Protein backbone atom coordinates (compact mmCIF):
# COMPACT_ATOMS: atom_id res chain seq x y z
CA MET A 1 1.09 -33.05 -0.30
CA GLY A 2 -1.88 -30.51 -1.61
CA GLU A 3 -1.28 -27.00 -3.49
CA HIS A 4 0.75 -24.59 -1.45
CA LEU A 5 -0.59 -21.34 -1.97
CA THR A 6 1.19 -18.51 -2.28
CA GLU A 7 1.26 -15.16 -3.66
CA GLU A 8 1.04 -16.50 -7.03
CA HIS A 9 -1.85 -17.30 -6.78
CA LEU A 10 -3.64 -14.62 -5.85
CA LYS A 11 -3.00 -13.41 -9.48
CA LYS A 12 -5.73 -16.72 -9.97
CA LEU A 13 -8.31 -14.56 -7.76
CA THR A 14 -11.37 -13.37 -10.18
CA SER A 15 -10.75 -9.74 -9.31
CA TYR A 16 -6.97 -9.73 -10.30
CA TYR A 17 -7.38 -10.41 -13.37
CA LYS A 18 -10.28 -8.15 -14.07
CA TYR A 19 -8.32 -4.85 -12.28
CA SER A 20 -4.94 -6.64 -14.32
CA LYS A 21 -6.79 -4.98 -17.15
CA PHE A 22 -7.65 -1.61 -16.56
CA GLU A 23 -4.05 -1.74 -14.75
CA ASP A 24 -2.43 -3.23 -18.24
CA GLY A 25 -5.35 -1.05 -20.32
CA GLU A 26 -5.03 -0.36 -24.50
CA ASN A 27 -3.86 2.91 -26.17
CA GLY A 28 -5.44 3.92 -29.74
CA CYS A 29 -8.12 6.34 -28.19
CA ASN A 30 -6.51 9.98 -28.33
CA GLY A 31 -9.54 10.17 -31.06
CA ILE A 32 -11.85 10.31 -29.56
CA SER A 33 -14.62 13.12 -27.63
CA PHE A 34 -14.83 11.32 -24.22
CA TYR A 35 -10.93 10.34 -23.97
CA SER A 36 -10.01 14.04 -24.80
CA ASN A 37 -12.50 15.68 -22.21
CA ILE A 38 -11.68 13.24 -19.05
CA LYS A 39 -8.43 14.07 -20.26
CA GLU A 40 -8.39 17.55 -20.63
CA GLU A 41 -10.53 18.04 -17.40
CA LEU A 42 -7.95 15.73 -15.56
CA GLN A 43 -5.16 18.40 -16.59
CA ASN A 44 -7.47 21.08 -15.19
CA GLN A 45 -6.07 23.62 -12.89
CA ASN A 46 -8.68 22.28 -9.45
CA TYR A 47 -7.01 19.45 -9.44
CA GLN A 48 -3.48 19.88 -9.51
CA ILE A 49 -2.56 20.06 -5.85
CA TYR A 50 -3.85 16.38 -5.59
CA ASN A 51 -0.88 15.14 -8.11
CA LEU A 52 -3.23 13.90 -10.26
CA HIS A 53 -1.28 14.04 -13.11
CA ILE A 54 1.27 10.72 -12.44
CA ILE A 55 -1.73 8.80 -12.95
CA SER A 56 -3.67 10.36 -15.47
CA ASP A 57 -2.05 8.35 -18.32
CA LYS A 58 -2.19 5.23 -16.78
CA ILE A 59 -6.61 6.11 -16.01
CA LEU A 60 -7.30 6.82 -19.89
CA LYS A 61 -5.40 3.52 -21.14
CA ALA A 62 -8.47 1.87 -18.54
CA LEU A 63 -10.74 3.92 -19.57
CA CYS A 64 -9.51 3.32 -23.42
CA PHE A 65 -10.15 -0.42 -22.19
CA ILE A 66 -13.47 -0.62 -21.56
CA TYR A 67 -14.62 1.53 -23.95
CA ASN A 68 -13.47 -0.95 -26.95
CA ARG A 69 -14.16 -4.02 -24.88
CA LYS A 70 -17.86 -2.10 -25.49
CA ARG A 71 -17.45 -1.30 -29.25
CA ASN A 72 -16.11 -4.44 -29.93
CA TYR A 73 -18.07 -6.45 -27.84
CA ARG A 74 -21.98 -5.03 -27.19
CA GLY A 75 -23.70 -7.49 -27.34
CA ASN A 76 -22.13 -9.82 -24.84
CA PHE A 77 -20.32 -6.77 -23.16
CA ASP A 78 -19.25 -7.65 -18.75
CA GLU A 79 -21.59 -4.93 -17.49
CA GLU A 80 -19.33 -5.73 -13.76
CA LEU A 81 -16.43 -4.48 -15.33
CA CYS A 82 -17.77 -1.27 -14.93
CA TRP A 83 -18.23 -1.09 -10.20
CA TYR A 84 -13.99 -3.06 -11.80
CA LEU A 85 -13.69 0.18 -13.28
CA TYR A 86 -15.27 2.11 -10.26
CA TYR A 87 -13.77 0.61 -7.44
CA TRP A 88 -9.89 0.54 -10.14
CA LEU A 89 -10.68 4.10 -10.11
CA GLY A 90 -10.77 4.97 -6.34
CA ASP A 91 -8.53 3.00 -4.55
CA LYS A 92 -5.74 5.81 -7.59
CA ILE A 93 -7.60 8.87 -7.03
CA TYR A 94 -8.56 8.36 -2.89
CA PRO A 95 -5.04 8.23 -2.07
CA LEU A 96 -3.97 11.60 -3.69
CA VAL A 97 -7.65 13.63 -3.06
CA ASN A 98 -8.57 11.80 -0.02
CA ASP A 99 -11.53 14.39 -0.18
CA GLU A 100 -15.04 12.71 -0.67
CA VAL A 101 -16.80 15.57 -2.31
CA VAL A 102 -13.41 15.90 -4.82
CA PHE A 103 -14.09 11.99 -5.18
CA SER A 104 -17.15 12.16 -5.64
CA ARG A 105 -16.81 15.49 -9.05
CA ILE A 106 -13.65 13.02 -10.63
CA ILE A 107 -15.85 10.07 -11.08
CA ASN A 108 -19.18 11.34 -11.83
CA MET A 109 -16.93 13.63 -14.68
CA ILE A 110 -15.72 10.17 -15.81
CA TYR A 111 -18.98 8.27 -15.48
CA THR A 112 -21.34 10.99 -17.19
CA GLU A 113 -18.60 10.83 -20.36
CA LEU A 114 -18.52 7.40 -20.68
CA TYR A 115 -22.70 7.27 -20.56
CA SER A 116 -22.82 10.36 -22.68
CA ASN A 117 -20.29 10.10 -25.23
CA PRO A 118 -22.07 11.27 -28.77
CA GLU A 119 -21.43 7.57 -30.80
CA ASN A 120 -24.07 6.44 -29.14
CA LEU A 121 -22.46 3.59 -27.60
CA THR A 122 -23.34 4.06 -23.36
CA VAL A 123 -20.31 2.03 -22.31
CA CYS A 124 -21.06 2.18 -18.28
CA ARG A 125 -23.59 4.00 -16.06
CA HIS A 126 -23.58 5.64 -13.22
CA VAL A 127 -22.50 3.01 -10.36
CA HIS A 128 -20.90 5.31 -8.21
CA THR A 129 -22.18 6.92 -4.73
CA PRO A 130 -21.32 9.53 -2.65
CA LEU A 131 -18.71 7.88 -0.75
CA ASN A 132 -15.75 8.22 2.36
CA LYS A 133 -13.28 7.41 2.00
CA ASP A 134 -13.45 4.83 4.76
CA ARG A 135 -16.39 3.66 3.67
CA PHE A 136 -15.38 2.64 -0.41
CA ASN A 137 -12.52 1.09 1.46
CA LYS A 138 -14.37 -1.45 2.87
CA ASN A 139 -16.64 -1.45 -0.05
CA LYS A 140 -14.41 -2.99 -1.92
CA VAL A 141 -13.02 -4.96 0.11
CA LEU A 142 -16.57 -6.03 0.29
CA PHE A 143 -16.96 -5.99 -3.70
CA ASP A 144 -13.59 -8.84 -4.26
CA TYR A 145 -14.01 -11.19 -2.25
CA SER A 146 -17.71 -11.35 -3.40
CA LYS A 147 -16.24 -12.33 -6.86
CA ASP A 148 -13.50 -14.15 -5.44
CA TYR A 149 -13.91 -16.67 -2.97
CA HIS A 150 -14.95 -19.33 -5.26
CA ASN A 151 -11.62 -19.22 -5.35
CA ILE A 152 -10.30 -19.72 -2.26
CA GLU A 153 -13.19 -22.43 -1.73
CA MET A 154 -11.10 -23.78 -4.06
CA ALA A 155 -8.07 -23.32 -3.41
CA THR A 156 -8.75 -24.36 0.16
CA PRO A 157 -10.35 -28.01 -0.18
CA HIS A 158 -9.40 -28.77 3.35
CA GLY A 159 -8.60 -27.39 6.46
CA GLN A 160 -4.84 -28.89 5.81
CA THR A 161 -4.34 -26.93 3.13
CA THR A 162 -0.95 -24.72 3.40
CA CYS A 163 -0.36 -21.12 2.79
CA ASP A 164 2.66 -18.73 2.89
CA LYS A 165 2.26 -15.26 4.79
CA LYS A 166 1.04 -13.02 1.92
CA TYR A 167 -1.72 -14.98 1.00
CA LYS A 168 -3.28 -15.96 4.74
CA GLU A 169 -3.03 -12.25 5.20
CA TYR A 170 -5.32 -11.78 1.53
CA MET A 171 -7.61 -13.59 3.48
CA LYS A 172 -7.89 -12.89 6.70
CA THR A 173 -8.32 -9.81 5.50
CA TYR A 174 -11.41 -10.93 3.34
CA ILE A 175 -13.37 -12.47 5.60
CA SER A 176 -12.49 -9.99 8.48
CA MET A 177 -14.15 -7.08 6.81
CA TYR A 178 -16.88 -9.56 5.96
CA ASN A 179 -17.08 -10.66 9.40
CA GLN A 180 -17.65 -7.37 10.93
CA ALA A 181 -19.95 -6.19 8.14
CA TYR A 182 -21.80 -9.66 8.57
CA LEU A 183 -22.45 -8.64 12.79
CA ASP A 184 -23.09 -4.83 11.81
CA CYS A 185 -25.32 -5.49 9.34
CA LYS A 186 -27.49 -8.96 10.90
CA GLU A 187 -26.64 -7.76 14.71
CA GLY A 188 -25.93 -5.27 15.21
CA LYS A 189 -27.22 -1.11 13.98
CA GLY A 190 -26.10 -1.22 10.54
CA ASN A 191 -23.75 2.20 11.89
CA ASN A 192 -20.84 1.04 10.18
CA PHE A 193 -21.44 -0.50 6.41
CA ASP A 194 -23.83 -0.09 3.55
CA CYS A 195 -26.02 -2.82 4.66
CA ASP A 196 -27.41 -2.65 1.73
CA TYR A 197 -24.73 -3.27 -0.51
CA PHE A 198 -23.77 -6.29 1.93
CA SER A 199 -27.42 -8.22 1.30
CA LYS A 200 -26.97 -7.17 -2.26
CA LEU A 201 -23.35 -9.00 -2.69
CA PHE A 202 -23.54 -11.64 -0.46
CA GLN A 203 -27.78 -12.31 -0.50
CA GLU A 204 -28.52 -15.33 1.05
CA LYS A 205 -24.85 -17.04 0.79
CA PRO A 206 -24.06 -19.07 4.20
CA TYR A 207 -22.59 -17.28 6.86
CA GLN A 208 -20.63 -20.45 8.23
CA LYS A 209 -18.94 -21.66 4.78
CA LEU A 210 -17.86 -17.08 4.10
CA SER A 211 -16.40 -17.12 7.63
CA SER A 212 -14.26 -19.90 7.98
CA PHE A 213 -11.83 -20.47 4.77
CA SER A 214 -8.38 -20.77 6.47
CA CYS A 215 -5.15 -22.24 5.15
CA ILE A 216 -1.89 -23.04 7.21
CA GLN A 217 0.92 -20.27 6.83
CA ARG A 218 4.40 -22.62 6.52
CA ASP A 219 6.72 -20.07 5.29
CA ASP A 220 9.80 -23.51 4.94
CA ILE A 221 7.22 -25.06 2.31
CA GLU A 222 9.81 -25.18 -0.14
CA VAL A 223 12.12 -27.04 2.22
CA VAL A 224 9.63 -29.52 3.18
CA LEU A 225 8.70 -29.85 -0.25
CA ASP A 226 12.04 -30.49 -1.12
CA LYS A 227 11.81 -33.13 1.00
CA TYR A 228 9.27 -34.77 0.47
CA ASN A 229 10.31 -34.88 -3.55
CA VAL A 230 13.62 -36.73 -2.31
CA MET A 231 10.84 -39.07 -0.64
CA ILE A 232 9.57 -39.78 -3.46
CA LEU A 233 12.28 -40.31 -5.73
CA LYS A 234 13.85 -42.91 -3.85
C-alpha cells in the first residue's frame, strides 16, 4: 500500500516550512533601530483599537528572524522569504484590522523599516501592493499553491493515494482557488482575481496537471493498515 496522507504530511509542504520560521521567530534584535521603531509604531495609540498588542511580540520575533537571516547570509539570502513574510504578516494582521487602508499603512511601515534600516542592510524591498482582504486571501492561497504543488504532485503519484479529511480539504482549497483564478483570467473578464499576479505565479504550467491532483479520503485507514500489516506478518 502507498503512503496514507494525513494532517501531519501538510507540515512537509514548502509553504508550511517557510511560514514555520516566522512562527518560531528569533530573539536578540532589541537594540537594533528597525526593531525599536516597529515596536513603537505597533504600540501607537492609533492601533490600540485593533488589539495589535496581542500579536506584536510574535511579529517582532518574525522580523528578527528575517533580519538575522539576511545579515548572516547576505550572499545567499532567499529573497522569496520577503513574500512569505508579507503573507504571514497579512494572515496575522488583516483579521484584526479588517481595513485595507490600515493594513496597507502597517505593511508599508514594516517594509520601509526593513528596506531602509541604517546599517546598510536592505533586508527586504517593498513587495506589497494595496489589496482588499478578499483579494489578499485569494492571492495568498495561490501563492502557497504555487510553492506547494510540487509536494502534492510527489505525494499523489497515482489515483489510488489515500488521505484523511484534513489533507483532502487542504488540497481541495488549493485546486478550487486555482480553477477559479484560471477560468476568470483565461476565459473570463479577469474581474475577480489579480490576473497578472496569477500569470506570474504559474506562468505556462499545465492547467490539466495543476487542476487534477486528487486522493481518496479514508478516515478509517488506521484500521485498514493494521489489518494489512497483520496479513503481511502472517
